[in-house]
Amino acid sequence: MSPIDVLLVFLAFYPVVSGAAWMVGGVMFRLLEERPRAVDPPDGWPGVTILVPAYNEEKVIAGCVQALRRVDYPSLEILLLNDGSTDNTVAAARAAARGDARFTVVDDGVNRGKADRLNDGIRRARNDLVLVTDADTHLHADAVTHLVRCMLRSPRYAAVAGCPRVTNRGRVIATMQMLETASLIGLIRRTHALTGWVGTVAGVLGLFRRDAVLAVGGYDPTMATEDIELTWRLLKAGHLTGFTPNALVGMQVPETLSGIWAQRTRWARGQGEVLRTHARTVARPKHAMIWPIVLETLLSYVWVGCMLIAMGWVLILWVVSPGDTRFGSMLAWGVGVAVIAMIQIVIAVLVDFRLDPRLPYACVLLPLYPLAYWTINALAALTAQTPGLLRGPRKHRVIWDLPRSDT
């Protein structure tokens, strides 16, 4: 086979094979691991410190605090970490937390960025387990219990990811992210969790062992996606990372094209930076446990590039030679990939239905989701992940620069 033939075979079969793996893995996790194990730890529940970094979150911080006040867990310390906000975030946080001794508002007038603020909070934490969440989230009352129960299953776990749920569901872009959360994030994390190699313990909700995070140096403030980079360093250090879909957190997502583009380019840039940063050391035998995640990341990046080239080729054929049989073949391939994507979403909805009964309503957008959303993600990868892969992280701190929904 010629190199072109190999490339075409890869382009055709990668989404089929990867999609099948995620569907099988997600179903296996649902059947084998997802049933709640309502067993209390024999030595009692360990203390947990919750960190909430905030920058100009005046409009949403009160809702986050009110949800945290309803958390049902016996031993909590909650640190609200103001990062040089220029609005009334501090006043709103103090008003919402008034009367609850578990809360402490740490007010810093200097904007140092999310990573630095979290590192400061981790150092301040009085407990060995540290939970990280965002200021625009709504933590479910029993989320901490589920995260701790998963963490205590093995001392090798250094981090456990929770399960985000989109709360602002009124617009098309936000609704499509409901489908993404289930079909991609949900199934992929379930599949990775079967091996203990969850590649991203995201900042929206994650539980960490404080000593393990400090031992690897904490969050890197120069990374666009500091949560991915920290997760990879924990894996390289020999730790396991887990996922529990029972630990729910409501989150707000971008509702406009400009907002989703800013988010996706940051994620893509950060993914490229992580690959560039760890490329020199990841091939060492002692880091073998992270090889599958690195390989999967690289293959998906290559496939995105091939897909964009194929799409351009199809458009050229359609304009220059509309009767060319190759145009029909490429069009049929595209339809086939879209069908696989929709089957994957249907499986994901069935797996996630007990956690989000309203999820099936989002399936109205199934015909639009594969083309529109994949195109956004692919273009973001091309324009942002490539520079991150070539140049690596920037030399200065990453600060808060994403538009926030006020709803």
Protein backbone atom coordinates (compact mmCIF):
# COMPACT_ATOMS: atom_id res chain seq x y z
CA MET A 1 0.00 0.00 0.00
CA SER A 2 1.16 3.49 -0.79
CA PRO A 3 1.43 6.15 1.96
CA ILE A 4 -1.72 7.78 0.55
CA ASP A 5 -3.60 4.49 0.85
CA VAL A 6 -2.44 4.06 4.44
CA LEU A 7 -3.57 7.59 5.23
CA LEU A 8 -6.98 6.99 3.69
CA VAL A 9 -7.44 3.74 5.61
CA PHE A 10 -6.51 5.53 8.84
CA LEU A 11 -8.89 8.36 8.01
CA ALA A 12 -11.73 5.93 7.33
CA PHE A 13 -11.33 3.55 10.26
CA TYR A 14 -9.97 5.64 13.15
CA PRO A 15 -13.35 7.16 14.16
CA VAL A 16 -15.00 3.74 13.83
CA VAL A 17 -12.43 1.92 15.99
CA SER A 18 -12.10 4.68 18.59
CA GLY A 19 -15.86 5.19 18.77
CA ALA A 20 -16.42 1.46 19.22
CA ALA A 21 -13.81 1.34 21.98
CA TRP A 22 -15.42 4.22 23.86
CA MET A 23 -18.90 2.72 23.52
CA VAL A 24 -17.79 -0.70 24.74
CA GLY A 25 -15.72 0.81 27.55
CA GLY A 26 -18.53 3.12 28.64
CA VAL A 27 -21.04 0.29 28.79
CA MET A 28 -18.60 -1.98 30.66
CA PHE A 29 -17.92 0.74 33.24
CA ARG A 30 -21.65 1.35 33.64
CA LEU A 31 -22.28 -2.34 34.32
CA LEU A 32 -19.20 -3.16 36.41
CA GLU A 33 -18.18 0.01 38.25
CA GLU A 34 -21.00 2.52 38.32
CA ARG A 35 -23.32 0.96 40.83
CA PRO A 36 -22.97 2.99 44.03
CA ARG A 37 -21.09 1.23 46.82
CA ALA A 38 -22.74 2.80 49.86
CA VAL A 39 -20.10 1.61 52.33
CA ASP A 40 -18.69 4.03 54.89
CA PRO A 41 -14.89 4.01 55.41
CA PRO A 42 -14.01 1.85 58.43
CA ASP A 43 -11.81 4.63 59.86
CA GLY A 44 -14.36 7.36 59.28
CA TRP A 45 -14.62 10.02 56.59
CA PRO A 46 -11.37 11.98 56.07
CA GLY A 47 -11.45 15.78 56.06
CA VAL A 48 -11.73 17.53 52.69
CA THR A 49 -10.71 21.06 51.72
CA ILE A 50 -12.69 22.61 48.84
CA LEU A 51 -10.91 25.26 46.75
CA VAL A 52 -12.91 27.75 44.68
CA PRO A 53 -10.71 30.15 42.67
CA ALA A 54 -12.59 33.25 41.53
CA TYR A 55 -11.91 36.22 39.28
CA ASN A 56 -14.72 38.73 38.61
CA GLU A 57 -17.42 36.22 39.56
CA GLU A 58 -19.76 38.65 41.35
CA LYS A 59 -22.81 37.48 39.40
CA VAL A 60 -22.36 33.74 40.00
CA ILE A 61 -20.34 33.26 43.20
CA ALA A 62 -23.40 33.40 45.48
CA GLY A 63 -25.04 30.49 43.64
CA CYS A 64 -21.85 28.46 43.97
CA VAL A 65 -21.61 29.19 47.71
CA GLN A 66 -25.27 28.32 48.29
CA ALA A 67 -24.72 24.94 46.63
CA LEU A 68 -21.61 24.35 48.75
CA ARG A 69 -23.58 25.12 51.92
CA ARG A 70 -25.91 22.23 51.04
CA VAL A 71 -23.05 19.71 50.62
CA ASP A 72 -23.64 16.74 52.92
CA TYR A 73 -20.21 15.77 54.21
CA PRO A 74 -19.07 15.54 57.83
CA SER A 75 -15.72 17.40 57.71
CA LEU A 76 -15.25 20.28 55.29
CA GLU A 77 -13.01 23.30 54.95
CA ILE A 78 -13.99 25.64 52.10
CA LEU A 79 -11.57 28.27 50.79
CA LEU A 80 -12.94 30.91 48.41
CA LEU A 81 -9.83 32.20 46.64
CA ASN A 82 -10.24 35.68 45.18
CA ASP A 83 -7.66 36.36 42.47
CA GLY A 84 -7.51 40.13 42.26
CA SER A 85 -11.12 40.62 41.14
CA THR A 86 -12.04 44.13 40.05
CA ASP A 87 -15.76 43.73 40.81
CA ASN A 88 -17.60 42.86 44.04
CA THR A 89 -16.73 39.15 44.07
CA VAL A 90 -15.34 39.28 47.61
CA ALA A 91 -18.37 41.07 49.07
CA ALA A 92 -20.77 38.70 47.31
CA ALA A 93 -18.83 35.65 48.52
CA ARG A 94 -18.71 36.86 52.13
CA ALA A 95 -22.41 37.69 52.12
CA ALA A 96 -23.35 34.28 50.75
CA ALA A 97 -21.09 32.41 53.19
CA ARG A 98 -22.02 34.44 56.28
CA GLY A 99 -22.81 32.31 59.31
CA ASP A 100 -21.11 29.14 58.02
CA ALA A 101 -17.82 28.55 59.84
CA ARG A 102 -16.59 26.15 57.16
CA PHE A 103 -15.99 29.05 54.75
CA THR A 104 -12.93 31.28 54.54
CA VAL A 105 -12.59 34.02 51.92
CA VAL A 106 -8.94 34.49 50.96
CA ASP A 107 -8.71 37.92 49.36
CA ASP A 108 -5.67 38.67 47.22
CA GLY A 109 -5.66 41.96 45.35
CA VAL A 110 -3.22 40.71 42.69
CA ASN A 111 -4.42 38.78 39.64
CA ARG A 112 -1.92 35.90 39.41
CA GLY A 113 -4.00 33.43 37.40
CA LYS A 114 -5.97 30.31 38.28
CA ALA A 115 -2.98 27.96 38.60
CA ASP A 116 -1.11 30.14 41.09
CA ARG A 117 -4.27 30.73 43.08
CA LEU A 118 -4.94 27.00 43.33
CA ASN A 119 -1.34 26.29 44.34
CA ASP A 120 -1.71 28.82 47.15
CA GLY A 121 -4.95 27.17 48.22
CA ILE A 122 -3.38 23.71 48.22
CA ARG A 123 -0.60 24.96 50.48
CA ARG A 124 -3.15 26.55 52.83
CA ALA A 125 -5.38 23.46 52.98
CA ARG A 126 -5.59 21.77 56.38
CA ASN A 127 -6.76 18.43 54.99
CA ASP A 128 -4.98 15.71 53.01
CA LEU A 129 -7.76 15.57 50.41
CA VAL A 130 -8.34 18.71 48.32
CA LEU A 131 -11.33 19.24 46.02
CA VAL A 132 -11.10 21.79 43.20
CA THR A 133 -14.14 23.36 41.55
CA ASP A 134 -15.05 26.57 39.68
CA ALA A 135 -16.90 29.63 40.93
CA ASP A 136 -19.75 29.28 38.43
CA THR A 137 -20.57 25.67 39.36
CA HIS A 138 -23.27 24.11 41.52
CA LEU A 139 -21.89 21.12 43.42
CA HIS A 140 -24.36 18.31 44.11
CA ALA A 141 -24.99 17.66 47.80
CA ASP A 142 -23.42 14.17 47.80
CA ALA A 143 -20.66 14.79 45.22
CA VAL A 144 -17.89 14.97 47.83
CA THR A 145 -18.98 11.64 49.33
CA HIS A 146 -18.83 9.89 45.95
CA LEU A 147 -15.41 11.35 45.13
CA VAL A 148 -13.93 10.37 48.50
CA ARG A 149 -15.42 6.88 48.29
CA CYS A 150 -13.73 6.39 44.89
CA MET A 151 -10.42 7.83 46.12
CA LEU A 152 -10.31 5.48 49.11
CA ARG A 153 -10.61 2.39 46.93
CA SER A 154 -6.83 2.41 46.47
CA PRO A 155 -3.92 4.40 47.94
CA ARG A 156 -2.53 4.62 44.40
CA TYR A 157 -5.26 7.04 43.36
CA ALA A 158 -3.91 10.59 43.37
CA ALA A 159 -6.90 12.24 41.70
CA VAL A 160 -10.53 11.48 40.87
CA ALA A 161 -12.60 13.39 38.33
CA GLY A 162 -16.24 14.27 38.87
CA CYS A 163 -19.03 14.45 36.31
CA PRO A 164 -20.02 17.88 34.89
CA ARG A 165 -23.55 18.68 33.76
CA VAL A 166 -24.52 21.69 31.63
CA THR A 167 -26.97 23.96 33.49
CA ASN A 168 -27.54 26.80 30.97
CA ARG A 169 -29.45 24.80 28.35
CA GLY A 170 -31.53 27.39 26.57
CA ARG A 171 -29.48 27.87 23.39
CA VAL A 172 -28.33 25.60 20.58
CA ILE A 173 -24.61 25.86 21.32
CA ALA A 174 -25.11 25.07 25.01
CA THR A 175 -27.43 22.16 24.19
CA MET A 176 -24.85 20.64 21.84
CA GLN A 177 -22.40 20.71 24.73
CA MET A 178 -24.84 18.52 26.66
CA LEU A 179 -24.38 15.93 23.93
CA GLU A 180 -20.60 16.37 23.97
CA THR A 181 -20.44 15.96 27.75
CA ALA A 182 -22.21 12.62 27.45
CA SER A 183 -20.91 11.22 24.14
CA LEU A 184 -17.26 12.25 24.41
CA ILE A 185 -16.33 13.25 27.95
CA GLY A 186 -18.59 10.70 29.62
CA LEU A 187 -17.75 7.65 27.51
CA ILE A 188 -14.03 8.42 27.19
CA ARG A 189 -13.56 8.96 30.92
CA ARG A 190 -15.48 5.81 31.72
CA THR A 191 -13.26 3.86 29.33
CA HIS A 192 -10.06 5.35 30.74
CA ALA A 193 -11.26 4.78 34.30
CA LEU A 194 -11.34 1.03 33.71
CA THR A 195 -7.52 1.17 33.56
CA GLY A 196 -6.98 3.93 36.14
CA TRP A 197 -5.55 6.28 33.52
CA VAL A 198 -8.04 9.13 33.23
CA GLY A 199 -6.17 11.70 31.15
CA THR A 200 -7.84 14.85 32.50
CA VAL A 201 -9.01 15.54 36.03
CA ALA A 202 -10.62 18.82 35.11
CA GLY A 203 -10.73 21.96 37.20
CA VAL A 204 -14.53 21.98 37.13
CA LEU A 205 -14.54 19.13 39.68
CA GLY A 206 -11.66 17.00 40.85
CA LEU A 207 -10.47 15.51 44.13
CA PHE A 208 -6.71 15.30 44.76
CA ARG A 209 -4.32 13.92 47.33
CA ARG A 210 -2.57 17.05 48.57
CA ASP A 211 0.82 15.39 49.12
CA ALA A 212 0.85 13.87 45.61
CA VAL A 213 0.10 17.24 43.99
CA LEU A 214 2.76 19.04 46.01
CA ALA A 215 5.29 16.29 45.25
CA VAL A 216 4.97 16.84 41.49
CA GLY A 217 5.10 20.63 41.80
CA GLY A 218 1.43 21.64 41.71
CA TYR A 219 -0.26 23.40 38.81
CA ASP A 220 1.93 24.99 36.13
CA PRO A 221 0.88 28.67 35.75
CA THR A 222 2.27 28.91 32.21
CA MET A 223 -0.04 26.19 30.83
CA ALA A 224 -3.26 27.09 29.03
CA THR A 225 -4.81 23.87 30.38
CA GLU A 226 -3.15 23.51 33.74
CA ASP A 227 -5.50 20.67 34.77
CA ILE A 228 -4.48 18.38 31.89
CA GLU A 229 -0.79 19.03 32.49
CA LEU A 230 -1.04 18.28 36.23
CA THR A 231 -2.96 15.06 35.52
CA TRP A 232 -0.23 13.87 33.15
CA ARG A 233 2.49 14.60 35.72
CA LEU A 234 0.61 12.60 38.33
CA LEU A 235 0.32 9.68 35.91
CA LYS A 236 4.02 9.92 35.01
CA ALA A 237 4.83 9.79 38.73
CA GLY A 238 3.15 6.38 38.92
CA HIS A 239 -0.20 7.39 40.41
CA LEU A 240 -3.63 6.33 39.21
CA THR A 241 -6.45 8.70 38.30
CA GLY A 242 -10.12 7.79 38.47
CA PHE A 243 -13.59 8.94 37.52
CA THR A 244 -16.92 8.69 39.29
CA PRO A 245 -19.98 9.80 37.29
CA ASN A 246 -22.04 9.82 40.49
CA ALA A 247 -20.22 12.97 41.66
CA LEU A 248 -22.25 15.58 39.81
CA VAL A 249 -21.54 19.27 39.34
CA GLY A 250 -23.60 21.76 37.37
CA MET A 251 -21.56 24.07 35.17
CA GLN A 252 -22.16 26.96 32.80
CA VAL A 253 -20.83 26.72 29.25
CA PRO A 254 -20.35 29.29 26.48
CA GLU A 255 -23.54 30.14 24.61
CA THR A 256 -22.13 32.11 21.67
CA LEU A 257 -19.83 31.28 18.77
CA SER A 258 -17.19 33.68 20.08
CA GLY A 259 -17.38 32.10 23.53
CA ILE A 260 -17.15 28.51 22.30
CA TRP A 261 -14.30 29.44 19.96
CA ALA A 262 -12.32 31.07 22.78
CA GLN A 263 -12.85 28.00 24.96
CA ARG A 264 -11.92 25.46 22.27
CA THR A 265 -8.82 27.30 21.10
CA ARG A 266 -7.60 27.49 24.70
CA TRP A 267 -8.20 23.77 25.18
CA ALA A 268 -6.50 22.95 21.88
CA ARG A 269 -3.56 25.23 22.63
CA GLY A 270 -3.19 23.62 26.05
CA GLN A 271 -3.28 20.11 24.61
CA GLY A 272 -0.48 21.02 22.22
CA GLU A 273 1.54 22.56 25.03
CA VAL A 274 1.17 19.43 27.16
CA LEU A 275 2.30 17.19 24.31
CA ARG A 276 5.28 19.43 23.60
CA THR A 277 6.27 19.66 27.26
CA HIS A 278 6.18 15.93 27.94
CA ALA A 279 7.35 14.63 24.56
CA ARG A 280 10.98 14.33 25.68
CA THR A 281 10.31 12.25 28.76
CA VAL A 282 7.16 10.30 27.99
CA ALA A 283 9.03 7.59 26.03
CA ARG A 284 10.95 6.49 29.11
CA PRO A 285 9.96 3.00 30.37
CA LYS A 286 9.02 4.32 33.82
CA HIS A 287 6.32 6.46 32.17
CA ALA A 288 4.76 3.54 30.29
CA MET A 289 1.38 3.95 31.97
CA ILE A 290 0.82 7.25 30.16
CA TRP A 291 1.72 5.94 26.69
CA PRO A 292 -1.87 4.97 25.71
CA ILE A 293 -3.17 8.47 26.51
CA VAL A 294 -0.35 10.13 24.57
CA LEU A 295 -0.89 7.82 21.60
CA GLU A 296 -4.63 8.46 21.61
CA THR A 297 -4.05 12.23 21.76
CA LEU A 298 -1.59 12.16 18.87
CA LEU A 299 -3.80 9.92 16.72
CA SER A 300 -6.82 12.15 17.25
CA TYR A 301 -4.74 15.21 16.32
CA VAL A 302 -3.45 13.54 13.13
CA TRP A 303 -6.96 12.40 12.25
CA VAL A 304 -8.31 15.93 12.62
CA GLY A 305 -5.68 17.19 10.18
CA CYS A 306 -6.48 14.42 7.71
CA MET A 307 -10.20 15.12 8.01
CA LEU A 308 -9.74 18.82 7.22
CA ILE A 309 -7.61 17.93 4.20
CA ALA A 310 -10.24 15.44 3.04
CA MET A 311 -13.01 18.02 3.45
CA GLY A 312 -11.02 20.50 1.37
CA TRP A 313 -10.41 17.87 -1.28
CA VAL A 314 -14.11 17.03 -1.47
CA LEU A 315 -15.02 20.68 -1.94
CA ILE A 316 -12.45 21.03 -4.73
CA LEU A 317 -13.76 17.90 -6.48
CA TRP A 318 -17.32 19.17 -6.17
CA VAL A 319 -16.41 22.52 -7.76
CA VAL A 320 -13.94 21.32 -10.39
CA SER A 321 -15.38 17.94 -11.31
CA PRO A 322 -18.86 17.34 -9.86
CA GLY A 323 -19.19 14.06 -11.76
CA ASP A 324 -16.02 12.52 -10.27
CA THR A 325 -16.83 9.22 -8.55
CA ARG A 326 -14.38 10.00 -5.75
CA PHE A 327 -16.69 12.81 -4.65
CA GLY A 328 -19.47 10.32 -4.06
CA SER A 329 -17.13 7.98 -2.16
CA MET A 330 -15.92 10.75 0.15
CA LEU A 331 -19.47 11.93 0.71
CA ALA A 332 -20.53 8.39 1.62
CA TRP A 333 -17.60 8.12 4.04
CA GLY A 334 -18.67 11.37 5.70
CA VAL A 335 -22.21 10.10 6.11
CA GLY A 336 -20.87 6.87 7.59
CA VAL A 337 -18.75 8.73 10.16
CA ALA A 338 -21.75 10.89 11.08
CA VAL A 339 -23.85 7.75 11.61
CA ILE A 340 -21.17 6.32 13.93
CA ALA A 341 -21.13 9.59 15.85
CA MET A 342 -24.90 9.51 16.29
CA ILE A 343 -24.85 5.88 17.44
CA GLN A 344 -22.18 6.86 19.96
CA ILE A 345 -24.38 9.67 21.25
CA VAL A 346 -27.38 7.35 21.57
CA ILE A 347 -25.32 4.84 23.58
CA ALA A 348 -23.99 7.68 25.75
CA VAL A 349 -27.50 8.97 26.40
CA LEU A 350 -28.64 5.50 27.47
CA VAL A 351 -25.64 5.17 29.80
CA ASP A 352 -26.14 8.66 31.27
CA PHE A 353 -29.93 8.69 31.41
CA ARG A 354 -30.19 7.95 35.14
CA LEU A 355 -27.93 10.94 35.88
CA ASP A 356 -29.67 13.38 33.53
CA PRO A 357 -33.22 12.41 32.51
CA ARG A 358 -33.49 15.52 30.31
CA LEU A 359 -30.56 14.48 28.14
CA PRO A 360 -32.68 12.72 25.46
CA TYR A 361 -34.32 16.06 24.58
CA ALA A 362 -30.92 17.29 23.36
CA CYS A 363 -30.94 14.53 20.74
CA VAL A 364 -33.14 16.78 18.61
CA LEU A 365 -29.84 18.34 17.53
CA LEU A 366 -28.29 15.02 16.48
CA PRO A 367 -28.30 15.84 12.73
CA LEU A 368 -26.46 19.12 13.40
CA TYR A 369 -24.02 17.96 16.05
CA PRO A 370 -21.45 15.88 14.08
CA LEU A 371 -20.84 18.39 11.29
CA ALA A 372 -21.14 21.69 13.15
CA TYR A 373 -19.40 20.71 16.38
CA TRP A 374 -16.66 18.60 14.85
CA THR A 375 -15.87 21.42 12.45
CA ILE A 376 -15.44 23.89 15.34
CA ASN A 377 -13.19 21.49 17.26
CA ALA A 378 -11.17 20.59 14.17
CA LEU A 379 -10.53 24.21 13.23
CA ALA A 380 -9.57 25.00 16.82
CA ALA A 381 -7.09 22.12 16.78
CA LEU A 382 -5.58 23.34 13.51
CA THR A 383 -5.24 26.99 14.54
CA ALA A 384 -4.34 26.59 18.23
CA GLN A 385 -3.08 23.07 18.95
CA THR A 386 -0.45 23.24 16.21
CA PRO A 387 1.18 26.43 17.61
CA GLY A 388 1.06 24.93 21.10
CA LEU A 389 2.72 21.74 19.85
CA LEU A 390 5.43 23.65 17.98
CA ARG A 391 6.17 26.39 20.50
CA GLY A 392 5.25 24.89 23.86
CA PRO A 393 3.88 26.90 26.80
CA ARG A 394 4.22 30.64 26.95
CA LYS A 395 6.74 32.27 29.27
CA HIS A 396 4.21 34.26 31.27
CA ARG A 397 1.35 33.29 33.56
CA VAL A 398 -1.97 32.40 31.99
CA ILE A 399 -4.68 34.71 33.35
CA TRP A 400 -8.46 34.61 33.18
CA ASP A 401 -9.46 35.54 29.65
CA LEU A 402 -12.62 33.56 28.76
CA PRO A 403 -16.05 35.18 28.41
CA ARG A 404 -18.46 34.08 31.14
CA SER A 405 -22.19 33.57 30.84
CA ASP A 406 -24.18 35.52 33.41
CA THR A 407 -27.22 33.23 33.35
